[in-house]
ModelCIF file with pLDDT and N, C-alpha, C, O atoms, coordinates in Angstrom:
data_MODEL
#
_entry.id   MODEL 
#
_entity.id                         1 
_entity.type                       polymer 
_entity.pdbx_number_of_molecules   1 
#
_entity_poly.entity_id                      1 
_entity_poly.type                           'polypeptide(L)' 
_entity_poly.nstd_linkage                   no 
_entity_poly.nstd_monomer                   no 
_entity_poly.pdbx_seq_one_letter_code       RNRPNVQVGDLIYGQFLVANKDMEPEMVCIDSSGRSSGMGIIGQDGF 
_entity_poly.pdbx_seq_one_letter_code_can   RNRPNVQVGDLIYGQFLVANKDMEPEMVCIDSSGRSSGMGIIGQDGF 
_entity_poly.pdbx_strand_id                 A 
#
loop_
_entity_poly_seq.entity_id 
_entity_poly_seq.num 
_entity_poly_seq.mon_id 
_entity_poly_seq.hetero 
1 1  ARG n 
1 2  ASN n 
1 3  ARG n 
1 4  PRO n 
1 5  ASN n 
1 6  VAL n 
1 7  GLN n 
1 8  VAL n 
1 9  GLY n 
1 10 ASP n 
1 11 LEU n 
1 12 ILE n 
1 13 TYR n 
1 14 GLY n 
1 15 GLN n 
1 16 PHE n 
1 17 LEU n 
1 18 VAL n 
1 19 ALA n 
1 20 ASN n 
1 21 LYS n 
1 22 ASP n 
1 23 MET n 
1 24 GLU n 
1 25 PRO n 
1 26 GLU n 
1 27 MET n 
1 28 VAL n 
1 29 CYS n 
1 30 ILE n 
1 31 ASP n 
1 32 SER n 
1 33 SER n 
1 34 GLY n 
1 35 ARG n 
1 36 SER n 
1 37 SER n 
1 38 GLY n 
1 39 MET n 
1 40 GLY n 
1 41 ILE n 
1 42 ILE n 
1 43 GLY n 
1 44 GLN n 
1 45 ASP n 
1 46 GLY n 
1 47 PHE n 
#
_struct_asym.id          A 
_struct_asym.entity_id   1 
#
loop_
_ma_qa_metric.id 
_ma_qa_metric.mode 
_ma_qa_metric.name 
_ma_qa_metric.software_group_id 
_ma_qa_metric.type 
1 global pLDDT . pLDDT 
2 local  pLDDT . pLDDT 
#
_ma_qa_metric_global.metric_id      1 
_ma_qa_metric_global.metric_value   89.17 
_ma_qa_metric_global.model_id       1 
_ma_qa_metric_global.ordinal_id     1 
#
loop_
_ma_qa_metric_local.label_asym_id 
_ma_qa_metric_local.label_comp_id 
_ma_qa_metric_local.label_seq_id 
_ma_qa_metric_local.metric_id 
_ma_qa_metric_local.metric_value 
_ma_qa_metric_local.model_id 
_ma_qa_metric_local.ordinal_id 
A ARG 1  2 85.00 1 1  
A ASN 2  2 87.00 1 2  
A ARG 3  2 86.00 1 3  
A PRO 4  2 88.00 1 4  
A ASN 5  2 88.00 1 5  
A VAL 6  2 89.00 1 6  
A GLN 7  2 90.00 1 7  
A VAL 8  2 91.00 1 8  
A GLY 9  2 91.00 1 9  
A ASP 10 2 92.00 1 10 
A LEU 11 2 95.00 1 11 
A ILE 12 2 95.00 1 12 
A TYR 13 2 95.00 1 13 
A GLY 14 2 95.00 1 14 
A GLN 15 2 95.00 1 15 
A PHE 16 2 94.00 1 16 
A LEU 17 2 92.00 1 17 
A VAL 18 2 90.00 1 18 
A ALA 19 2 87.00 1 19 
A ASN 20 2 84.00 1 20 
A LYS 21 2 78.00 1 21 
A ASP 22 2 79.00 1 22 
A MET 23 2 84.00 1 23 
A GLU 24 2 89.00 1 24 
A PRO 25 2 92.00 1 25 
A GLU 26 2 94.00 1 26 
A MET 27 2 94.00 1 27 
A VAL 28 2 94.00 1 28 
A CYS 29 2 94.00 1 29 
A ILE 30 2 91.00 1 30 
A ASP 31 2 89.00 1 31 
A SER 32 2 86.00 1 32 
A SER 33 2 86.00 1 33 
A GLY 34 2 85.00 1 34 
A ARG 35 2 89.00 1 35 
A SER 36 2 87.00 1 36 
A SER 37 2 87.00 1 37 
A GLY 38 2 89.00 1 38 
A MET 39 2 93.00 1 39 
A GLY 40 2 92.00 1 40 
A ILE 41 2 93.00 1 41 
A ILE 42 2 93.00 1 42 
A GLY 43 2 79.00 1 43 
A GLN 44 2 76.00 1 44 
A ASP 45 2 85.00 1 45 
A GLY 46 2 90.00 1 46 
A PHE 47 2 94.00 1 47 
#
loop_
_atom_site.group_PDB 
_atom_site.id 
_atom_site.type_symbol 
_atom_site.label_atom_id 
_atom_site.label_alt_id 
_atom_site.label_comp_id 
_atom_site.label_asym_id 
_atom_site.label_entity_id 
_atom_site.label_seq_id 
_atom_site.pdbx_PDB_ins_code 
_atom_site.Cartn_x 
_atom_site.Cartn_y 
_atom_site.Cartn_z 
_atom_site.occupancy 
_atom_site.B_iso_or_equiv 
_atom_site.pdbx_formal_charge 
_atom_site.auth_seq_id 
_atom_site.auth_comp_id 
_atom_site.auth_asym_id 
_atom_site.auth_atom_id 
_atom_site.pdbx_PDB_model_num 
ATOM 1   N N  . ARG A 1 1  ? -59.656 -42.596 -14.116 1.00 85.00 ? 1  ARG A N  1 
ATOM 2   C CA . ARG A 1 1  ? -58.842 -41.940 -13.097 1.00 85.00 ? 1  ARG A CA 1 
ATOM 3   C C  . ARG A 1 1  ? -57.353 -41.999 -13.421 1.00 85.00 ? 1  ARG A C  1 
ATOM 4   O O  . ARG A 1 1  ? -56.608 -41.070 -13.109 1.00 85.00 ? 1  ARG A O  1 
ATOM 5   N N  . ASN A 1 2  ? -56.931 -43.069 -14.036 1.00 87.00 ? 2  ASN A N  1 
ATOM 6   C CA . ASN A 1 2  ? -55.512 -43.246 -14.372 1.00 87.00 ? 2  ASN A CA 1 
ATOM 7   C C  . ASN A 1 2  ? -55.313 -42.999 -15.862 1.00 87.00 ? 2  ASN A C  1 
ATOM 8   O O  . ASN A 1 2  ? -55.281 -43.937 -16.658 1.00 87.00 ? 2  ASN A O  1 
ATOM 9   N N  . ARG A 1 3  ? -55.180 -41.734 -16.226 1.00 86.00 ? 3  ARG A N  1 
ATOM 10  C CA . ARG A 1 3  ? -55.034 -41.365 -17.632 1.00 86.00 ? 3  ARG A CA 1 
ATOM 11  C C  . ARG A 1 3  ? -53.551 -41.307 -18.017 1.00 86.00 ? 3  ARG A C  1 
ATOM 12  O O  . ARG A 1 3  ? -52.716 -40.918 -17.201 1.00 86.00 ? 3  ARG A O  1 
ATOM 13  N N  . PRO A 1 4  ? -53.227 -41.683 -19.233 1.00 88.00 ? 4  PRO A N  1 
ATOM 14  C CA . PRO A 1 4  ? -51.826 -41.602 -19.679 1.00 88.00 ? 4  PRO A CA 1 
ATOM 15  C C  . PRO A 1 4  ? -51.375 -40.154 -19.807 1.00 88.00 ? 4  PRO A C  1 
ATOM 16  O O  . PRO A 1 4  ? -52.162 -39.277 -20.162 1.00 88.00 ? 4  PRO A O  1 
ATOM 17  N N  . ASN A 1 5  ? -50.120 -39.917 -19.520 1.00 88.00 ? 5  ASN A N  1 
ATOM 18  C CA . ASN A 1 5  ? -49.554 -38.562 -19.592 1.00 88.00 ? 5  ASN A CA 1 
ATOM 19  C C  . ASN A 1 5  ? -49.071 -38.302 -21.019 1.00 88.00 ? 5  ASN A C  1 
ATOM 20  O O  . ASN A 1 5  ? -47.893 -38.469 -21.334 1.00 88.00 ? 5  ASN A O  1 
ATOM 21  N N  . VAL A 1 6  ? -49.993 -37.896 -21.859 1.00 89.00 ? 6  VAL A N  1 
ATOM 22  C CA . VAL A 1 6  ? -49.694 -37.628 -23.273 1.00 89.00 ? 6  VAL A CA 1 
ATOM 23  C C  . VAL A 1 6  ? -49.787 -36.131 -23.516 1.00 89.00 ? 6  VAL A C  1 
ATOM 24  O O  . VAL A 1 6  ? -50.794 -35.503 -23.187 1.00 89.00 ? 6  VAL A O  1 
ATOM 25  N N  . GLN A 1 7  ? -48.740 -35.561 -24.089 1.00 90.00 ? 7  GLN A N  1 
ATOM 26  C CA . GLN A 1 7  ? -48.683 -34.134 -24.369 1.00 90.00 ? 7  GLN A CA 1 
ATOM 27  C C  . GLN A 1 7  ? -48.554 -33.893 -25.867 1.00 90.00 ? 7  GLN A C  1 
ATOM 28  O O  . GLN A 1 7  ? -48.119 -34.766 -26.618 1.00 90.00 ? 7  GLN A O  1 
ATOM 29  N N  . VAL A 1 8  ? -48.937 -32.700 -26.284 1.00 91.00 ? 8  VAL A N  1 
ATOM 30  C CA . VAL A 1 8  ? -48.793 -32.314 -27.692 1.00 91.00 ? 8  VAL A CA 1 
ATOM 31  C C  . VAL A 1 8  ? -47.312 -32.335 -28.076 1.00 91.00 ? 8  VAL A C  1 
ATOM 32  O O  . VAL A 1 8  ? -46.474 -31.762 -27.380 1.00 91.00 ? 8  VAL A O  1 
ATOM 33  N N  . GLY A 1 9  ? -47.007 -32.989 -29.171 1.00 91.00 ? 9  GLY A N  1 
ATOM 34  C CA . GLY A 1 9  ? -45.627 -33.128 -29.616 1.00 91.00 ? 9  GLY A CA 1 
ATOM 35  C C  . GLY A 1 9  ? -45.023 -34.479 -29.310 1.00 91.00 ? 9  GLY A C  1 
ATOM 36  O O  . GLY A 1 9  ? -43.956 -34.802 -29.832 1.00 91.00 ? 9  GLY A O  1 
ATOM 37  N N  . ASP A 1 10 ? -45.678 -35.292 -28.469 1.00 92.00 ? 10 ASP A N  1 
ATOM 38  C CA . ASP A 1 10 ? -45.161 -36.621 -28.139 1.00 92.00 ? 10 ASP A CA 1 
ATOM 39  C C  . ASP A 1 10 ? -45.259 -37.544 -29.345 1.00 92.00 ? 10 ASP A C  1 
ATOM 40  O O  . ASP A 1 10 ? -46.120 -37.379 -30.210 1.00 92.00 ? 10 ASP A O  1 
ATOM 41  N N  . LEU A 1 11 ? -44.365 -38.511 -29.382 1.00 95.00 ? 11 LEU A N  1 
ATOM 42  C CA . LEU A 1 11 ? -44.380 -39.539 -30.423 1.00 95.00 ? 11 LEU A CA 1 
ATOM 43  C C  . LEU A 1 11 ? -45.092 -40.773 -29.879 1.00 95.00 ? 11 LEU A C  1 
ATOM 44  O O  . LEU A 1 11 ? -44.798 -41.232 -28.776 1.00 95.00 ? 11 LEU A O  1 
ATOM 45  N N  . ILE A 1 12 ? -46.027 -41.305 -30.657 1.00 95.00 ? 12 ILE A N  1 
ATOM 46  C CA . ILE A 1 12 ? -46.810 -42.464 -30.252 1.00 95.00 ? 12 ILE A CA 1 
ATOM 47  C C  . ILE A 1 12 ? -46.603 -43.577 -31.273 1.00 95.00 ? 12 ILE A C  1 
ATOM 48  O O  . ILE A 1 12 ? -46.747 -43.371 -32.478 1.00 95.00 ? 12 ILE A O  1 
ATOM 49  N N  . TYR A 1 13 ? -46.259 -44.764 -30.764 1.00 95.00 ? 13 TYR A N  1 
ATOM 50  C CA . TYR A 1 13 ? -46.179 -45.943 -31.627 1.00 95.00 ? 13 TYR A CA 1 
ATOM 51  C C  . TYR A 1 13 ? -47.425 -46.784 -31.373 1.00 95.00 ? 13 TYR A C  1 
ATOM 52  O O  . TYR A 1 13 ? -47.621 -47.292 -30.270 1.00 95.00 ? 13 TYR A O  1 
ATOM 53  N N  . GLY A 1 14 ? -48.260 -46.929 -32.390 1.00 95.00 ? 14 GLY A N  1 
ATOM 54  C CA . GLY A 1 14 ? -49.520 -47.631 -32.210 1.00 95.00 ? 14 GLY A CA 1 
ATOM 55  C C  . GLY A 1 14 ? -49.930 -48.384 -33.455 1.00 95.00 ? 14 GLY A C  1 
ATOM 56  O O  . GLY A 1 14 ? -49.194 -48.454 -34.439 1.00 95.00 ? 14 GLY A O  1 
ATOM 57  N N  . GLN A 1 15 ? -51.127 -48.946 -33.388 1.00 95.00 ? 15 GLN A N  1 
ATOM 58  C CA . GLN A 1 15 ? -51.664 -49.785 -34.451 1.00 95.00 ? 15 GLN A CA 1 
ATOM 59  C C  . GLN A 1 15 ? -53.025 -49.273 -34.878 1.00 95.00 ? 15 GLN A C  1 
ATOM 60  O O  . GLN A 1 15 ? -53.810 -48.811 -34.050 1.00 95.00 ? 15 GLN A O  1 
ATOM 61  N N  . PHE A 1 16 ? -53.310 -49.357 -36.185 1.00 94.00 ? 16 PHE A N  1 
ATOM 62  C CA . PHE A 1 16 ? -54.605 -48.916 -36.688 1.00 94.00 ? 16 PHE A CA 1 
ATOM 63  C C  . PHE A 1 16 ? -55.668 -49.970 -36.387 1.00 94.00 ? 16 PHE A C  1 
ATOM 64  O O  . PHE A 1 16 ? -55.543 -51.133 -36.771 1.00 94.00 ? 16 PHE A O  1 
ATOM 65  N N  . LEU A 1 17 ? -56.711 -49.534 -35.694 1.00 92.00 ? 17 LEU A N  1 
ATOM 66  C CA . LEU A 1 17 ? -57.864 -50.389 -35.427 1.00 92.00 ? 17 LEU A CA 1 
ATOM 67  C C  . LEU A 1 17 ? -58.937 -50.197 -36.495 1.00 92.00 ? 17 LEU A C  1 
ATOM 68  O O  . LEU A 1 17 ? -59.614 -51.147 -36.887 1.00 92.00 ? 17 LEU A O  1 
ATOM 69  N N  . VAL A 1 18 ? -59.083 -48.955 -36.959 1.00 90.00 ? 18 VAL A N  1 
ATOM 70  C CA . VAL A 1 18 ? -60.029 -48.616 -38.025 1.00 90.00 ? 18 VAL A CA 1 
ATOM 71  C C  . VAL A 1 18 ? -59.277 -47.813 -39.077 1.00 90.00 ? 18 VAL A C  1 
ATOM 72  O O  . VAL A 1 18 ? -58.612 -46.828 -38.756 1.00 90.00 ? 18 VAL A O  1 
ATOM 73  N N  . ALA A 1 19 ? -59.380 -48.231 -40.321 1.00 87.00 ? 19 ALA A N  1 
ATOM 74  C CA . ALA A 1 19 ? -58.728 -47.501 -41.417 1.00 87.00 ? 19 ALA A CA 1 
ATOM 75  C C  . ALA A 1 19 ? -59.449 -47.820 -42.723 1.00 87.00 ? 19 ALA A C  1 
ATOM 76  O O  . ALA A 1 19 ? -59.229 -48.874 -43.319 1.00 87.00 ? 19 ALA A O  1 
ATOM 77  N N  . ASN A 1 20 ? -60.297 -46.921 -43.156 1.00 84.00 ? 20 ASN A N  1 
ATOM 78  C CA . ASN A 1 20 ? -60.930 -47.035 -44.469 1.00 84.00 ? 20 ASN A CA 1 
ATOM 79  C C  . ASN A 1 20 ? -61.261 -45.638 -44.974 1.00 84.00 ? 20 ASN A C  1 
ATOM 80  O O  . ASN A 1 20 ? -61.183 -44.664 -44.224 1.00 84.00 ? 20 ASN A O  1 
ATOM 81  N N  . LYS A 1 21 ? -61.626 -45.543 -46.233 1.00 78.00 ? 21 LYS A N  1 
ATOM 82  C CA . LYS A 1 21 ? -61.800 -44.240 -46.872 1.00 78.00 ? 21 LYS A CA 1 
ATOM 83  C C  . LYS A 1 21 ? -63.030 -43.489 -46.376 1.00 78.00 ? 21 LYS A C  1 
ATOM 84  O O  . LYS A 1 21 ? -63.140 -42.282 -46.594 1.00 78.00 ? 21 LYS A O  1 
ATOM 85  N N  . ASP A 1 22 ? -63.953 -44.175 -45.716 1.00 79.00 ? 22 ASP A N  1 
ATOM 86  C CA . ASP A 1 22 ? -65.204 -43.546 -45.293 1.00 79.00 ? 22 ASP A CA 1 
ATOM 87  C C  . ASP A 1 22 ? -65.205 -43.126 -43.821 1.00 79.00 ? 22 ASP A C  1 
ATOM 88  O O  . ASP A 1 22 ? -66.147 -42.474 -43.372 1.00 79.00 ? 22 ASP A O  1 
ATOM 89  N N  . MET A 1 23 ? -64.168 -43.487 -43.068 1.00 84.00 ? 23 MET A N  1 
ATOM 90  C CA . MET A 1 23 ? -64.132 -43.178 -41.634 1.00 84.00 ? 23 MET A CA 1 
ATOM 91  C C  . MET A 1 23 ? -62.785 -42.608 -41.248 1.00 84.00 ? 23 MET A C  1 
ATOM 92  O O  . MET A 1 23 ? -61.783 -42.839 -41.924 1.00 84.00 ? 23 MET A O  1 
ATOM 93  N N  . GLU A 1 24 ? -62.768 -41.860 -40.151 1.00 89.00 ? 24 GLU A N  1 
ATOM 94  C CA . GLU A 1 24 ? -61.523 -41.317 -39.633 1.00 89.00 ? 24 GLU A CA 1 
ATOM 95  C C  . GLU A 1 24 ? -60.661 -42.446 -39.076 1.00 89.00 ? 24 GLU A C  1 
ATOM 96  O O  . GLU A 1 24 ? -61.169 -43.299 -38.348 1.00 89.00 ? 24 GLU A O  1 
ATOM 97  N N  . PRO A 1 25 ? -59.359 -42.470 -39.404 1.00 92.00 ? 25 PRO A N  1 
ATOM 98  C CA . PRO A 1 25 ? -58.499 -43.530 -38.876 1.00 92.00 ? 25 PRO A CA 1 
ATOM 99  C C  . PRO A 1 25 ? -58.472 -43.505 -37.352 1.00 92.00 ? 25 PRO A C  1 
ATOM 100 O O  . PRO A 1 25 ? -58.433 -42.440 -36.735 1.00 92.00 ? 25 PRO A O  1 
ATOM 101 N N  . GLU A 1 26 ? -58.494 -44.683 -36.761 1.00 94.00 ? 26 GLU A N  1 
ATOM 102 C CA . GLU A 1 26 ? -58.478 -44.801 -35.306 1.00 94.00 ? 26 GLU A CA 1 
ATOM 103 C C  . GLU A 1 26 ? -57.334 -45.712 -34.886 1.00 94.00 ? 26 GLU A C  1 
ATOM 104 O O  . GLU A 1 26 ? -57.177 -46.812 -35.417 1.00 94.00 ? 26 GLU A O  1 
ATOM 105 N N  . MET A 1 27 ? -56.530 -45.242 -33.918 1.00 94.00 ? 27 MET A N  1 
ATOM 106 C CA . MET A 1 27 ? -55.370 -45.988 -33.454 1.00 94.00 ? 27 MET A CA 1 
ATOM 107 C C  . MET A 1 27 ? -55.573 -46.483 -32.032 1.00 94.00 ? 27 MET A C  1 
ATOM 108 O O  . MET A 1 27 ? -56.364 -45.927 -31.269 1.00 94.00 ? 27 MET A O  1 
ATOM 109 N N  . VAL A 1 28 ? -54.843 -47.539 -31.690 1.00 94.00 ? 28 VAL A N  1 
ATOM 110 C CA . VAL A 1 28 ? -54.802 -48.060 -30.330 1.00 94.00 ? 28 VAL A CA 1 
ATOM 111 C C  . VAL A 1 28 ? -53.353 -48.396 -29.999 1.00 94.00 ? 28 VAL A C  1 
ATOM 112 O O  . VAL A 1 28 ? -52.531 -48.603 -30.891 1.00 94.00 ? 28 VAL A O  1 
ATOM 113 N N  . CYS A 1 29 ? -53.053 -48.449 -28.697 1.00 94.00 ? 29 CYS A N  1 
ATOM 114 C CA . CYS A 1 29 ? -51.714 -48.808 -28.239 1.00 94.00 ? 29 CYS A CA 1 
ATOM 115 C C  . CYS A 1 29 ? -51.748 -50.090 -27.409 1.00 94.00 ? 29 CYS A C  1 
ATOM 116 O O  . CYS A 1 29 ? -50.891 -50.303 -26.552 1.00 94.00 ? 29 CYS A O  1 
ATOM 117 N N  . ILE A 1 30 ? -52.731 -50.931 -27.664 1.00 91.00 ? 30 ILE A N  1 
ATOM 118 C CA . ILE A 1 30 ? -52.852 -52.223 -27.000 1.00 91.00 ? 30 ILE A CA 1 
ATOM 119 C C  . ILE A 1 30 ? -53.234 -53.270 -28.036 1.00 91.00 ? 30 ILE A C  1 
ATOM 120 O O  . ILE A 1 30 ? -53.814 -52.951 -29.074 1.00 91.00 ? 30 ILE A O  1 
ATOM 121 N N  . ASP A 1 31 ? -52.898 -54.537 -27.741 1.00 89.00 ? 31 ASP A N  1 
ATOM 122 C CA . ASP A 1 31 ? -53.270 -55.621 -28.638 1.00 89.00 ? 31 ASP A CA 1 
ATOM 123 C C  . ASP A 1 31 ? -54.626 -56.190 -28.240 1.00 89.00 ? 31 ASP A C  1 
ATOM 124 O O  . ASP A 1 31 ? -55.332 -55.601 -27.420 1.00 89.00 ? 31 ASP A O  1 
ATOM 125 N N  . SER A 1 32 ? -54.988 -57.316 -28.809 1.00 86.00 ? 32 SER A N  1 
ATOM 126 C CA . SER A 1 32 ? -56.300 -57.908 -28.541 1.00 86.00 ? 32 SER A CA 1 
ATOM 127 C C  . SER A 1 32 ? -56.463 -58.374 -27.104 1.00 86.00 ? 32 SER A C  1 
ATOM 128 O O  . SER A 1 32 ? -57.586 -58.503 -26.617 1.00 86.00 ? 32 SER A O  1 
ATOM 129 N N  . SER A 1 33 ? -55.339 -58.633 -26.412 1.00 86.00 ? 33 SER A N  1 
ATOM 130 C CA . SER A 1 33 ? -55.405 -59.064 -25.017 1.00 86.00 ? 33 SER A CA 1 
ATOM 131 C C  . SER A 1 33 ? -55.257 -57.918 -24.029 1.00 86.00 ? 33 SER A C  1 
ATOM 132 O O  . SER A 1 33 ? -55.205 -58.150 -22.821 1.00 86.00 ? 33 SER A O  1 
ATOM 133 N N  . GLY A 1 34 ? -55.187 -56.681 -24.521 1.00 85.00 ? 34 GLY A N  1 
ATOM 134 C CA . GLY A 1 34 ? -55.074 -55.520 -23.645 1.00 85.00 ? 34 GLY A CA 1 
ATOM 135 C C  . GLY A 1 34 ? -53.666 -55.182 -23.237 1.00 85.00 ? 34 GLY A C  1 
ATOM 136 O O  . GLY A 1 34 ? -53.479 -54.315 -22.383 1.00 85.00 ? 34 GLY A O  1 
ATOM 137 N N  . ARG A 1 35 ? -52.660 -55.825 -23.805 1.00 89.00 ? 35 ARG A N  1 
ATOM 138 C CA . ARG A 1 35 ? -51.254 -55.559 -23.498 1.00 89.00 ? 35 ARG A CA 1 
ATOM 139 C C  . ARG A 1 35 ? -50.672 -54.543 -24.468 1.00 89.00 ? 35 ARG A C  1 
ATOM 140 O O  . ARG A 1 35 ? -51.123 -54.426 -25.608 1.00 89.00 ? 35 ARG A O  1 
ATOM 141 N N  . SER A 1 36 ? -49.667 -53.810 -24.005 1.00 87.00 ? 36 SER A N  1 
ATOM 142 C CA . SER A 1 36 ? -49.067 -52.785 -24.861 1.00 87.00 ? 36 SER A CA 1 
ATOM 143 C C  . SER A 1 36 ? -48.228 -53.396 -25.979 1.00 87.00 ? 36 SER A C  1 
ATOM 144 O O  . SER A 1 36 ? -48.200 -52.875 -27.094 1.00 87.00 ? 36 SER A O  1 
ATOM 145 N N  . SER A 1 37 ? -47.542 -54.504 -25.680 1.00 87.00 ? 37 SER A N  1 
ATOM 146 C CA . SER A 1 37 ? -46.716 -55.195 -26.692 1.00 87.00 ? 37 SER A CA 1 
ATOM 147 C C  . SER A 1 37 ? -45.740 -54.245 -27.375 1.00 87.00 ? 37 SER A C  1 
ATOM 148 O O  . SER A 1 37 ? -45.550 -54.306 -28.590 1.00 87.00 ? 37 SER A O  1 
ATOM 149 N N  . GLY A 1 38 ? -45.121 -53.367 -26.588 1.00 89.00 ? 38 GLY A N  1 
ATOM 150 C CA . GLY A 1 38 ? -44.134 -52.438 -27.129 1.00 89.00 ? 38 GLY A CA 1 
ATOM 151 C C  . GLY A 1 38 ? -44.709 -51.140 -27.653 1.00 89.00 ? 38 GLY A C  1 
ATOM 152 O O  . GLY A 1 38 ? -43.956 -50.233 -28.008 1.00 89.00 ? 38 GLY A O  1 
ATOM 153 N N  . MET A 1 39 ? -46.019 -51.029 -27.709 1.00 93.00 ? 39 MET A N  1 
ATOM 154 C CA . MET A 1 39 ? -46.645 -49.804 -28.207 1.00 93.00 ? 39 MET A CA 1 
ATOM 155 C C  . MET A 1 39 ? -46.830 -48.799 -27.074 1.00 93.00 ? 39 MET A C  1 
ATOM 156 O O  . MET A 1 39 ? -46.820 -49.164 -25.899 1.00 93.00 ? 39 MET A O  1 
ATOM 157 N N  . GLY A 1 40 ? -46.998 -47.536 -27.438 1.00 92.00 ? 40 GLY A N  1 
ATOM 158 C CA . GLY A 1 40 ? -47.190 -46.482 -26.455 1.00 92.00 ? 40 GLY A CA 1 
ATOM 159 C C  . GLY A 1 40 ? -46.370 -45.254 -26.787 1.00 92.00 ? 40 GLY A C  1 
ATOM 160 O O  . GLY A 1 40 ? -46.030 -45.014 -27.946 1.00 92.00 ? 40 GLY A O  1 
ATOM 161 N N  . ILE A 1 41 ? -46.055 -44.476 -25.758 1.00 93.00 ? 41 ILE A N  1 
ATOM 162 C CA . ILE A 1 41 ? -45.285 -43.238 -25.932 1.00 93.00 ? 41 ILE A CA 1 
ATOM 163 C C  . ILE A 1 41 ? -43.813 -43.578 -26.122 1.00 93.00 ? 41 ILE A C  1 
ATOM 164 O O  . ILE A 1 41 ? -43.241 -44.354 -25.355 1.00 93.00 ? 41 ILE A O  1 
ATOM 165 N N  . ILE A 1 42 ? -43.208 -42.996 -27.144 1.00 93.00 ? 42 ILE A N  1 
ATOM 166 C CA . ILE A 1 42 ? -41.781 -43.181 -27.397 1.00 93.00 ? 42 ILE A CA 1 
ATOM 167 C C  . ILE A 1 42 ? -41.012 -42.132 -26.612 1.00 93.00 ? 42 ILE A C  1 
ATOM 168 O O  . ILE A 1 42 ? -41.475 -41.002 -26.458 1.00 93.00 ? 42 ILE A O  1 
ATOM 169 N N  . GLY A 1 43 ? -39.838 -42.505 -26.115 1.00 79.00 ? 43 GLY A N  1 
ATOM 170 C CA . GLY A 1 43 ? -39.034 -41.607 -25.285 1.00 79.00 ? 43 GLY A CA 1 
ATOM 171 C C  . GLY A 1 43 ? -38.704 -40.289 -25.964 1.00 79.00 ? 43 GLY A C  1 
ATOM 172 O O  . GLY A 1 43 ? -38.684 -40.192 -27.191 1.00 79.00 ? 43 GLY A O  1 
ATOM 173 N N  . GLN A 1 44 ? -38.445 -39.277 -25.145 1.00 76.00 ? 44 GLN A N  1 
ATOM 174 C CA . GLN A 1 44 ? -38.142 -37.942 -25.669 1.00 76.00 ? 44 GLN A CA 1 
ATOM 175 C C  . GLN A 1 44 ? -36.804 -37.909 -26.399 1.00 76.00 ? 44 GLN A C  1 
ATOM 176 O O  . GLN A 1 44 ? -36.656 -37.202 -27.396 1.00 76.00 ? 44 GLN A O  1 
ATOM 177 N N  . ASP A 1 45 ? -35.824 -38.677 -25.901 1.00 85.00 ? 45 ASP A N  1 
ATOM 178 C CA . ASP A 1 45 ? -34.526 -38.713 -26.568 1.00 85.00 ? 45 ASP A CA 1 
ATOM 179 C C  . ASP A 1 45 ? -34.636 -39.513 -27.860 1.00 85.00 ? 45 ASP A C  1 
ATOM 180 O O  . ASP A 1 45 ? -35.620 -40.217 -28.087 1.00 85.00 ? 45 ASP A O  1 
ATOM 181 N N  . GLY A 1 46 ? -33.626 -39.398 -28.693 1.00 90.00 ? 46 GLY A N  1 
ATOM 182 C CA . GLY A 1 46 ? -33.630 -40.124 -29.945 1.00 90.00 ? 46 GLY A CA 1 
ATOM 183 C C  . GLY A 1 46 ? -33.842 -39.190 -31.125 1.00 90.00 ? 46 GLY A C  1 
ATOM 184 O O  . GLY A 1 46 ? -33.966 -37.976 -30.965 1.00 90.00 ? 46 GLY A O  1 
ATOM 185 N N  . PHE A 1 47 ? -33.881 -39.773 -32.294 1.00 94.00 ? 47 PHE A N  1 
ATOM 186 C CA . PHE A 1 47 ? -33.974 -38.999 -33.539 1.00 94.00 ? 47 PHE A CA 1 
ATOM 187 C C  . PHE A 1 47 ? -35.053 -39.609 -34.420 1.00 94.00 ? 47 PHE A C  1 
ATOM 188 O O  . PHE A 1 47 ? -35.303 -39.117 -35.520 1.00 94.00 ? 47 PHE A O  1 
#
C-alpha cells in the first residue's frame, strides 16, 4: 500500500544484492537490518 514515489529519470543510490554473469543484477536500497542507511532516491537538484 505504501509504495515509493519513483519516476522514470530519477537517480537511485543503492547496493547490489545479486551480481554475477549468469543472472540479472539486482539492487536494494536497504541494509541487512531494513534501514536505508543513506540509500534511496537522490534529490532532483544537483549535478
